[in-house]
């Protein structure tokens, strides 16, 4: 029996430094969790998280979070994601703006095909 291995990782790459003292406790807990490497088994799992009510309720403009998403199998293959509410900028060759779970899933899936050949 083979073990199921995650496909993607996600971690905070950078954030606004001057607002960290004023972070709402609930947001702080999520930010602390996301400061550690998180793993997702599928693209859909990660996109569902990014469009979840808890993640969407954060004030992304205030915190200026930038995430680094990477391949679980090779952490050197990465892509930045910048969330600003329901809009997510994927820092691919086109700086694609995704406005829904489905569009983000399509962009990340296409990137995966490109980088894994």
Protein backbone atom coordinates (compact mmCIF):
# COMPACT_ATOMS: atom_id res chain seq x y z
CA UNK A 1 0.00 0.00 0.00
CA UNK A 2 1.51 3.33 -1.03
CA UNK A 3 1.35 6.41 1.14
CA UNK A 4 -0.51 9.42 -0.26
CA UNK A 5 1.89 12.33 -0.60
CA UNK A 6 0.81 16.00 -0.60
CA UNK A 7 1.05 17.84 -3.91
CA UNK A 8 1.53 21.46 -2.81
CA UNK A 9 2.93 23.51 0.04
CA UNK A 10 1.96 27.00 1.16
CA UNK A 11 3.69 29.37 3.55
CA UNK A 12 3.72 33.12 4.21
CA UNK A 13 6.62 34.61 2.28
CA UNK A 14 6.21 38.19 3.51
CA UNK A 15 3.80 40.45 5.37
CA UNK A 16 3.47 44.06 6.46
CA UNK A 17 5.71 44.54 9.49
CA UNK A 18 4.16 47.71 10.93
CA UNK A 19 0.69 46.24 11.57
CA UNK A 20 1.67 42.99 13.26
CA UNK A 21 1.14 44.41 16.77
CA UNK A 22 -2.45 45.35 15.87
CA UNK A 23 -3.49 41.96 14.49
CA UNK A 24 -6.87 40.65 15.62
CA UNK A 25 -6.34 37.52 17.76
CA UNK A 26 -8.27 35.23 15.39
CA UNK A 27 -6.24 36.52 12.43
CA UNK A 28 -3.05 36.17 14.45
CA UNK A 29 -3.74 32.47 15.03
CA UNK A 30 -4.20 31.91 11.30
CA UNK A 31 -1.11 33.98 10.44
CA UNK A 32 0.96 31.96 12.92
CA UNK A 33 -0.27 28.70 11.39
CA UNK A 34 0.45 29.92 7.86
CA UNK A 35 3.94 31.03 8.91
CA UNK A 36 4.76 27.33 9.08
CA UNK A 37 4.84 25.16 5.97
CA UNK A 38 1.33 23.87 5.22
CA UNK A 39 0.75 20.94 2.85
CA UNK A 40 -2.21 20.23 0.58
CA UNK A 41 -3.01 16.97 -1.16
CA UNK A 42 -4.69 18.54 -4.18
CA UNK A 43 -4.97 21.87 -5.98
CA UNK A 44 -8.66 21.90 -5.10
CA UNK A 45 -7.86 21.47 -1.38
CA UNK A 46 -5.56 24.49 -1.43
CA UNK A 47 -7.98 26.63 -3.44
CA UNK A 48 -10.83 25.66 -1.12
CA UNK A 49 -8.74 26.83 1.82
CA UNK A 50 -7.85 30.14 0.14
CA UNK A 51 -11.53 30.78 -0.58
CA UNK A 52 -12.73 29.53 2.82
CA UNK A 53 -14.75 31.86 5.03
CA UNK A 54 -12.00 31.98 7.68
CA UNK A 55 -9.26 32.89 5.19
CA UNK A 56 -11.47 35.35 3.31
CA UNK A 57 -12.49 37.14 6.54
CA UNK A 58 -8.93 38.37 7.09
CA UNK A 59 -8.03 41.93 6.12
CA UNK A 60 -5.53 41.00 3.42
CA UNK A 61 -4.89 44.61 2.38
CA UNK A 62 -3.89 45.51 5.94
CA UNK A 63 -1.55 42.55 6.44
CA UNK A 64 -0.13 42.63 2.89
CA UNK A 65 0.40 38.87 2.95
CA UNK A 66 2.34 37.26 0.12
CA UNK A 67 2.36 33.46 0.00
CA UNK A 68 4.85 31.12 -1.54
CA UNK A 69 3.24 28.01 -2.99
CA UNK A 70 5.56 25.19 -3.96
CA UNK A 71 5.71 21.63 -5.09
CA UNK A 72 5.83 19.26 -2.15
CA UNK A 73 8.28 17.08 -4.05
CA UNK A 74 10.63 19.99 -4.87
CA UNK A 75 10.45 23.07 -2.62
CA UNK A 76 12.61 25.02 -5.06
CA UNK A 77 9.79 25.13 -7.62
CA UNK A 78 7.57 27.93 -6.32
CA UNK A 79 4.97 30.46 -7.29
CA UNK A 80 3.86 33.51 -5.30
CA UNK A 81 0.21 34.17 -4.54
CA UNK A 82 -0.99 37.56 -3.30
CA UNK A 83 -4.50 37.48 -1.79
CA UNK A 84 -6.57 40.63 -1.63
CA UNK A 85 -9.99 39.40 -0.59
CA UNK A 86 -11.59 37.30 -3.31
CA UNK A 87 -8.96 38.46 -5.79
CA UNK A 88 -5.74 36.46 -5.88
CA UNK A 89 -2.78 37.51 -7.97
CA UNK A 90 -0.74 34.54 -9.09
CA UNK A 91 2.78 35.73 -9.86
CA UNK A 92 3.25 33.58 -12.94
CA UNK A 93 4.64 34.87 -16.23
CA UNK A 94 1.42 36.90 -16.72
CA UNK A 95 0.69 37.97 -13.10
CA UNK A 96 -2.72 36.36 -13.49
CA UNK A 97 -5.60 37.80 -11.45
CA UNK A 98 -8.02 35.14 -10.23
CA UNK A 99 -11.41 36.18 -8.90
CA UNK A 100 -12.86 32.78 -7.97
CA UNK A 101 -12.00 29.37 -6.59
CA UNK A 102 -12.41 27.88 -10.08
CA UNK A 103 -10.17 30.39 -11.87
CA UNK A 104 -7.44 29.96 -9.24
CA UNK A 105 -7.71 26.19 -9.56
CA UNK A 106 -7.35 26.40 -13.34
CA UNK A 107 -4.29 28.68 -13.18
CA UNK A 108 -2.50 26.57 -10.57
CA UNK A 109 -3.35 23.35 -12.39
CA UNK A 110 -1.92 24.76 -15.64
CA UNK A 111 1.22 25.85 -13.76
CA UNK A 112 1.60 22.36 -12.32
CA UNK A 113 1.43 20.81 -15.79
CA UNK A 114 4.02 23.32 -17.02
CA UNK A 115 6.54 22.77 -14.21
CA UNK A 116 6.17 19.00 -13.94
CA UNK A 117 6.34 18.47 -17.68
